[in-house]
């Protein structure tokens, strides 16, 4: 009753998919952003995503 290699591959693929979608959408992390940086991002709302 162990964890198979295939389940690690699927889990890693899901993590990579979520990270790539966040990068395409241009989402910034909220952990280390100052209010000035958040205001700058809100002002520049031009998306370069291609989907």
PDB file of N, CA and C in Angstrom:
ATOM      1  N   UNK A   1       0.837  -1.180   0.000  1.00  0.00           N
ATOM      2  CA  UNK A   1       0.000   0.000   0.000  1.00  0.00           C
ATOM      3  C   UNK A   1       0.883   1.245   0.000  1.00  0.00           C
ATOM      4  N   UNK A   2       1.647   1.413  -1.037  1.00  0.00           N
ATOM      5  CA  UNK A   2       2.527   2.564  -1.141  1.00  0.00           C
ATOM      6  C   UNK A   2       2.074   3.517  -2.230  1.00  0.00           C
ATOM      7  N   UNK A   3       2.817   4.574  -2.378  1.00  0.00           N
ATOM      8  CA  UNK A   3       2.525   5.555  -3.417  1.00  0.00           C
ATOM      9  C   UNK A   3       3.353   5.200  -4.639  1.00  0.00           C
ATOM     10  N   UNK A   4       2.705   5.048  -5.757  1.00  0.00           N
ATOM     11  CA  UNK A   4       3.405   4.632  -6.963  1.00  0.00           C
ATOM     12  C   UNK A   4       4.068   5.824  -7.647  1.00  0.00           C
ATOM     13  N   UNK A   5       4.985   5.500  -8.527  1.00  0.00           N
ATOM     14  CA  UNK A   5       5.681   6.526  -9.289  1.00  0.00           C
ATOM     15  C   UNK A   5       4.705   7.264 -10.213  1.00  0.00           C
ATOM     16  N   UNK A   6       3.735   6.548 -10.732  1.00  0.00           N
ATOM     17  CA  UNK A   6       2.753   7.169 -11.628  1.00  0.00           C
ATOM     18  C   UNK A   6       1.943   8.240 -10.904  1.00  0.00           C
ATOM     19  N   UNK A   7       1.612   8.006  -9.629  1.00  0.00           N
ATOM     20  CA  UNK A   7       0.838   9.017  -8.903  1.00  0.00           C
ATOM     21  C   UNK A   7       1.666  10.264  -8.637  1.00  0.00           C
ATOM     22  N   UNK A   8       2.970  10.108  -8.423  1.00  0.00           N
ATOM     23  CA  UNK A   8       3.834  11.286  -8.283  1.00  0.00           C
ATOM     24  C   UNK A   8       3.915  12.062  -9.592  1.00  0.00           C
ATOM     25  N   UNK A   9       3.946  11.365 -10.700  1.00  0.00           N
ATOM     26  CA  UNK A   9       3.993  12.024 -12.006  1.00  0.00           C
ATOM     27  C   UNK A   9       2.715  12.811 -12.255  1.00  0.00           C
ATOM     28  N   UNK A  10       1.582  12.229 -11.932  1.00  0.00           N
ATOM     29  CA  UNK A  10       0.313  12.926 -12.126  1.00  0.00           C
ATOM     30  C   UNK A  10       0.246  14.151 -11.220  1.00  0.00           C
ATOM     31  N   UNK A  11       0.633  13.993  -9.964  1.00  0.00           N
ATOM     32  CA  UNK A  11       0.622  15.121  -9.031  1.00  0.00           C
ATOM     33  C   UNK A  11       1.553  16.237  -9.479  1.00  0.00           C
ATOM     34  N   UNK A  12       2.742  15.878  -9.946  1.00  0.00           N
ATOM     35  CA  UNK A  12       3.686  16.880 -10.441  1.00  0.00           C
ATOM     36  C   UNK A  12       3.175  17.578 -11.682  1.00  0.00           C
ATOM     37  N   UNK A  13       2.498  16.842 -12.541  1.00  0.00           N
ATOM     38  CA  UNK A  13       1.924  17.447 -13.729  1.00  0.00           C
ATOM     39  C   UNK A  13       0.839  18.444 -13.396  1.00  0.00           C
ATOM     40  N   UNK A  14       0.035  18.131 -12.387  1.00  0.00           N
ATOM     41  CA  UNK A  14      -1.020  19.062 -11.970  1.00  0.00           C
ATOM     42  C   UNK A  14      -0.407  20.330 -11.386  1.00  0.00           C
ATOM     43  N   UNK A  15       0.645  20.167 -10.589  1.00  0.00           N
ATOM     44  CA  UNK A  15       1.313  21.344 -10.010  1.00  0.00           C
ATOM     45  C   UNK A  15       1.895  22.222 -11.108  1.00  0.00           C
ATOM     46  N   UNK A  16       2.555  21.619 -12.092  1.00  0.00           N
ATOM     47  CA  UNK A  16       3.115  22.393 -13.203  1.00  0.00           C
ATOM     48  C   UNK A  16       2.026  23.077 -14.023  1.00  0.00           C
ATOM     49  N   UNK A  17       0.912  22.394 -14.228  1.00  0.00           N
ATOM     50  CA  UNK A  17      -0.203  23.000 -14.967  1.00  0.00           C
ATOM     51  C   UNK A  17      -0.734  24.235 -14.252  1.00  0.00           C
ATOM     52  N   UNK A  18      -0.935  24.126 -12.942  1.00  0.00           N
ATOM     53  CA  UNK A  18      -1.456  25.269 -12.189  1.00  0.00           C
ATOM     54  C   UNK A  18      -0.470  26.436 -12.184  1.00  0.00           C
ATOM     55  N   UNK A  19       0.815  26.140 -12.070  1.00  0.00           N
ATOM     56  CA  UNK A  19       1.818  27.207 -12.104  1.00  0.00           C
ATOM     57  C   UNK A  19       1.859  27.880 -13.473  1.00  0.00           C
ATOM     58  N   UNK A  20       1.756  27.090 -14.536  1.00  0.00           N
ATOM     59  CA  UNK A  20       1.810  27.689 -15.876  1.00  0.00           C
ATOM     60  C   UNK A  20       0.572  28.528 -16.163  1.00  0.00           C
ATOM     61  N   UNK A  21      -0.595  28.099 -15.689  1.00  0.00           N
ATOM     62  CA  UNK A  21      -1.798  28.909 -15.887  1.00  0.00           C
ATOM     63  C   UNK A  21      -1.709  30.230 -15.123  1.00  0.00           C
ATOM     64  N   UNK A  22      -1.135  30.190 -13.917  1.00  0.00           N
ATOM     65  CA  UNK A  22      -0.954  31.424 -13.159  1.00  0.00           C
ATOM     66  C   UNK A  22       0.012  32.363 -13.883  1.00  0.00           C
ATOM     67  N   UNK A  23       1.038  31.811 -14.521  1.00  0.00           N
ATOM     68  CA  UNK A  23       1.993  32.642 -15.259  1.00  0.00           C
ATOM     69  C   UNK A  23       1.347  33.233 -16.503  1.00  0.00           C
ATOM     70  N   UNK A  24       0.505  32.465 -17.189  1.00  0.00           N
ATOM     71  CA  UNK A  24      -0.166  32.982 -18.380  1.00  0.00           C
ATOM     72  C   UNK A  24      -1.119  34.110 -18.031  1.00  0.00           C
ATOM     73  N   UNK A  25      -1.796  33.992 -16.907  1.00  0.00           N
ATOM     74  CA  UNK A  25      -2.749  35.013 -16.490  1.00  0.00           C
ATOM     75  C   UNK A  25      -2.062  36.219 -15.862  1.00  0.00           C
ATOM     76  N   UNK A  26      -0.793  36.130 -15.576  1.00  0.00           N
ATOM     77  CA  UNK A  26      -0.064  37.260 -15.010  1.00  0.00           C
ATOM     78  C   UNK A  26      -0.415  37.533 -13.568  1.00  0.00           C
ATOM     79  N   UNK A  27      -0.762  36.523 -12.812  1.00  0.00           N
ATOM     80  CA  UNK A  27      -1.102  36.714 -11.410  1.00  0.00           C
ATOM     81  C   UNK A  27       0.167  36.903 -10.596  1.00  0.00           C
ATOM     82  N   UNK A  28       0.122  37.845  -9.685  1.00  0.00           N
ATOM     83  CA  UNK A  28       1.262  38.076  -8.810  1.00  0.00           C
ATOM     84  C   UNK A  28       1.004  37.446  -7.460  1.00  0.00           C
ATOM     85  N   UNK A  29       2.067  37.084  -6.783  1.00  0.00           N
ATOM     86  CA  UNK A  29       1.925  36.532  -5.444  1.00  0.00           C
ATOM     87  C   UNK A  29       1.585  37.627  -4.455  1.00  0.00           C
ATOM     88  N   UNK A  30       0.735  37.315  -3.518  1.00  0.00           N
ATOM     89  CA  UNK A  30       0.305  38.340  -2.571  1.00  0.00           C
ATOM     90  C   UNK A  30       1.116  38.312  -1.290  1.00  0.00           C
ATOM     91  N   UNK A  31       2.110  37.454  -1.203  1.00  0.00           N
ATOM     92  CA  UNK A  31       2.864  37.316   0.036  1.00  0.00           C
ATOM     93  C   UNK A  31       3.840  38.480   0.213  1.00  0.00           C
ATOM     94  N   UNK A  32       4.521  38.856  -0.849  1.00  0.00           N
ATOM     95  CA  UNK A  32       5.565  39.878  -0.730  1.00  0.00           C
ATOM     96  C   UNK A  32       5.322  41.084  -1.621  1.00  0.00           C
ATOM     97  N   UNK A  33       4.124  41.536  -1.674  1.00  0.00           N
ATOM     98  CA  UNK A  33       3.847  42.737  -2.461  1.00  0.00           C
ATOM     99  C   UNK A  33       3.424  43.870  -1.547  1.00  0.00           C
ATOM    100  N   UNK A  34       3.940  45.024  -1.846  1.00  0.00           N
ATOM    101  CA  UNK A  34       3.575  46.223  -1.094  1.00  0.00           C
ATOM    102  C   UNK A  34       2.357  46.856  -1.741  1.00  0.00           C
ATOM    103  N   UNK A  35       1.649  47.687  -1.026  1.00  0.00           N
ATOM    104  CA  UNK A  35       0.464  48.340  -1.613  1.00  0.00           C
ATOM    105  C   UNK A  35       0.802  49.150  -2.864  1.00  0.00           C
ATOM    106  N   UNK A  36       2.002  49.727  -2.911  1.00  0.00           N
ATOM    107  CA  UNK A  36       2.392  50.496  -4.102  1.00  0.00           C
ATOM    108  C   UNK A  36       2.515  49.577  -5.314  1.00  0.00           C
ATOM    109  N   UNK A  37       3.071  48.375  -5.104  1.00  0.00           N
ATOM    110  CA  UNK A  37       3.220  47.444  -6.212  1.00  0.00           C
ATOM    111  C   UNK A  37       1.856  46.944  -6.689  1.00  0.00           C
ATOM    112  N   UNK A  38       0.946  46.697  -5.755  1.00  0.00           N
ATOM    113  CA  UNK A  38      -0.385  46.257  -6.142  1.00  0.00           C
ATOM    114  C   UNK A  38      -1.107  47.332  -6.949  1.00  0.00           C
ATOM    115  N   UNK A  39      -0.939  48.583  -6.562  1.00  0.00           N
ATOM    116  CA  UNK A  39      -1.559  49.680  -7.303  1.00  0.00           C
ATOM    117  C   UNK A  39      -0.968  49.776  -8.709  1.00  0.00           C
ATOM    118  N   UNK A  40       0.329  49.550  -8.822  1.00  0.00           N
ATOM    119  CA  UNK A  40       0.984  49.595 -10.128  1.00  0.00           C
ATOM    120  C   UNK A  40       0.459  48.483 -11.031  1.00  0.00           C
ATOM    121  N   UNK A  41       0.272  47.300 -10.479  1.00  0.00           N
ATOM    122  CA  UNK A  41      -0.240  46.186 -11.266  1.00  0.00           C
ATOM    123  C   UNK A  41      -1.676  46.462 -11.699  1.00  0.00           C
ATOM    124  N   UNK A  42      -2.476  47.031 -10.820  1.00  0.00           N
ATOM    125  CA  UNK A  42      -3.864  47.349 -11.177  1.00  0.00           C
ATOM    126  C   UNK A  42      -3.917  48.392 -12.288  1.00  0.00           C
ATOM    127  N   UNK A  43      -2.959  49.342 -12.290  1.00  0.00           N
ATOM    128  CA  UNK A  43      -2.950  50.391 -13.311  1.00  0.00           C
ATOM    129  C   UNK A  43      -2.529  49.853 -14.679  1.00  0.00           C
ATOM    130  N   UNK A  44      -1.708  48.813 -14.697  1.00  0.00           N
ATOM    131  CA  UNK A  44      -1.162  48.283 -15.944  1.00  0.00           C
ATOM    132  C   UNK A  44      -1.959  47.110 -16.495  1.00  0.00           C
ATOM    133  N   UNK A  45      -3.192  46.969 -16.227  1.00  0.00           N
ATOM    134  CA  UNK A  45      -3.991  45.781 -16.535  1.00  0.00           C
ATOM    135  C   UNK A  45      -3.962  45.354 -17.995  1.00  0.00           C
ATOM    136  N   UNK A  46      -2.839  45.425 -18.669  1.00  0.00           N
ATOM    137  CA  UNK A  46      -2.760  44.933 -20.044  1.00  0.00           C
ATOM    138  C   UNK A  46      -2.253  43.508 -20.010  1.00  0.00           C
ATOM    139  N   UNK A  47      -3.037  42.610 -20.542  1.00  0.00           N
ATOM    140  CA  UNK A  47      -2.692  41.196 -20.523  1.00  0.00           C
ATOM    141  C   UNK A  47      -2.014  40.823 -21.837  1.00  0.00           C
ATOM    142  N   UNK A  48      -0.942  40.054 -21.747  1.00  0.00           N
ATOM    143  CA  UNK A  48      -0.242  39.578 -22.937  1.00  0.00           C
ATOM    144  C   UNK A  48      -0.516  38.103 -23.166  1.00  0.00           C
ATOM    145  N   UNK A  49      -1.476  37.538 -22.470  1.00  0.00           N
ATOM    146  CA  UNK A  49      -1.791  36.120 -22.643  1.00  0.00           C
ATOM    147  C   UNK A  49      -2.387  35.879 -24.022  1.00  0.00           C
ATOM    148  N   UNK A  50      -2.139  34.703 -24.558  1.00  0.00           N
ATOM    149  CA  UNK A  50      -2.528  34.409 -25.930  1.00  0.00           C
ATOM    150  C   UNK A  50      -3.668  33.395 -26.032  1.00  0.00           C
ATOM    151  N   UNK A  51      -4.459  33.209 -25.008  1.00  0.00           N
ATOM    152  CA  UNK A  51      -5.523  32.209 -25.126  1.00  0.00           C
ATOM    153  C   UNK A  51      -6.884  32.811 -25.012  1.00  0.00           C
TER     154      UNK A  51
END
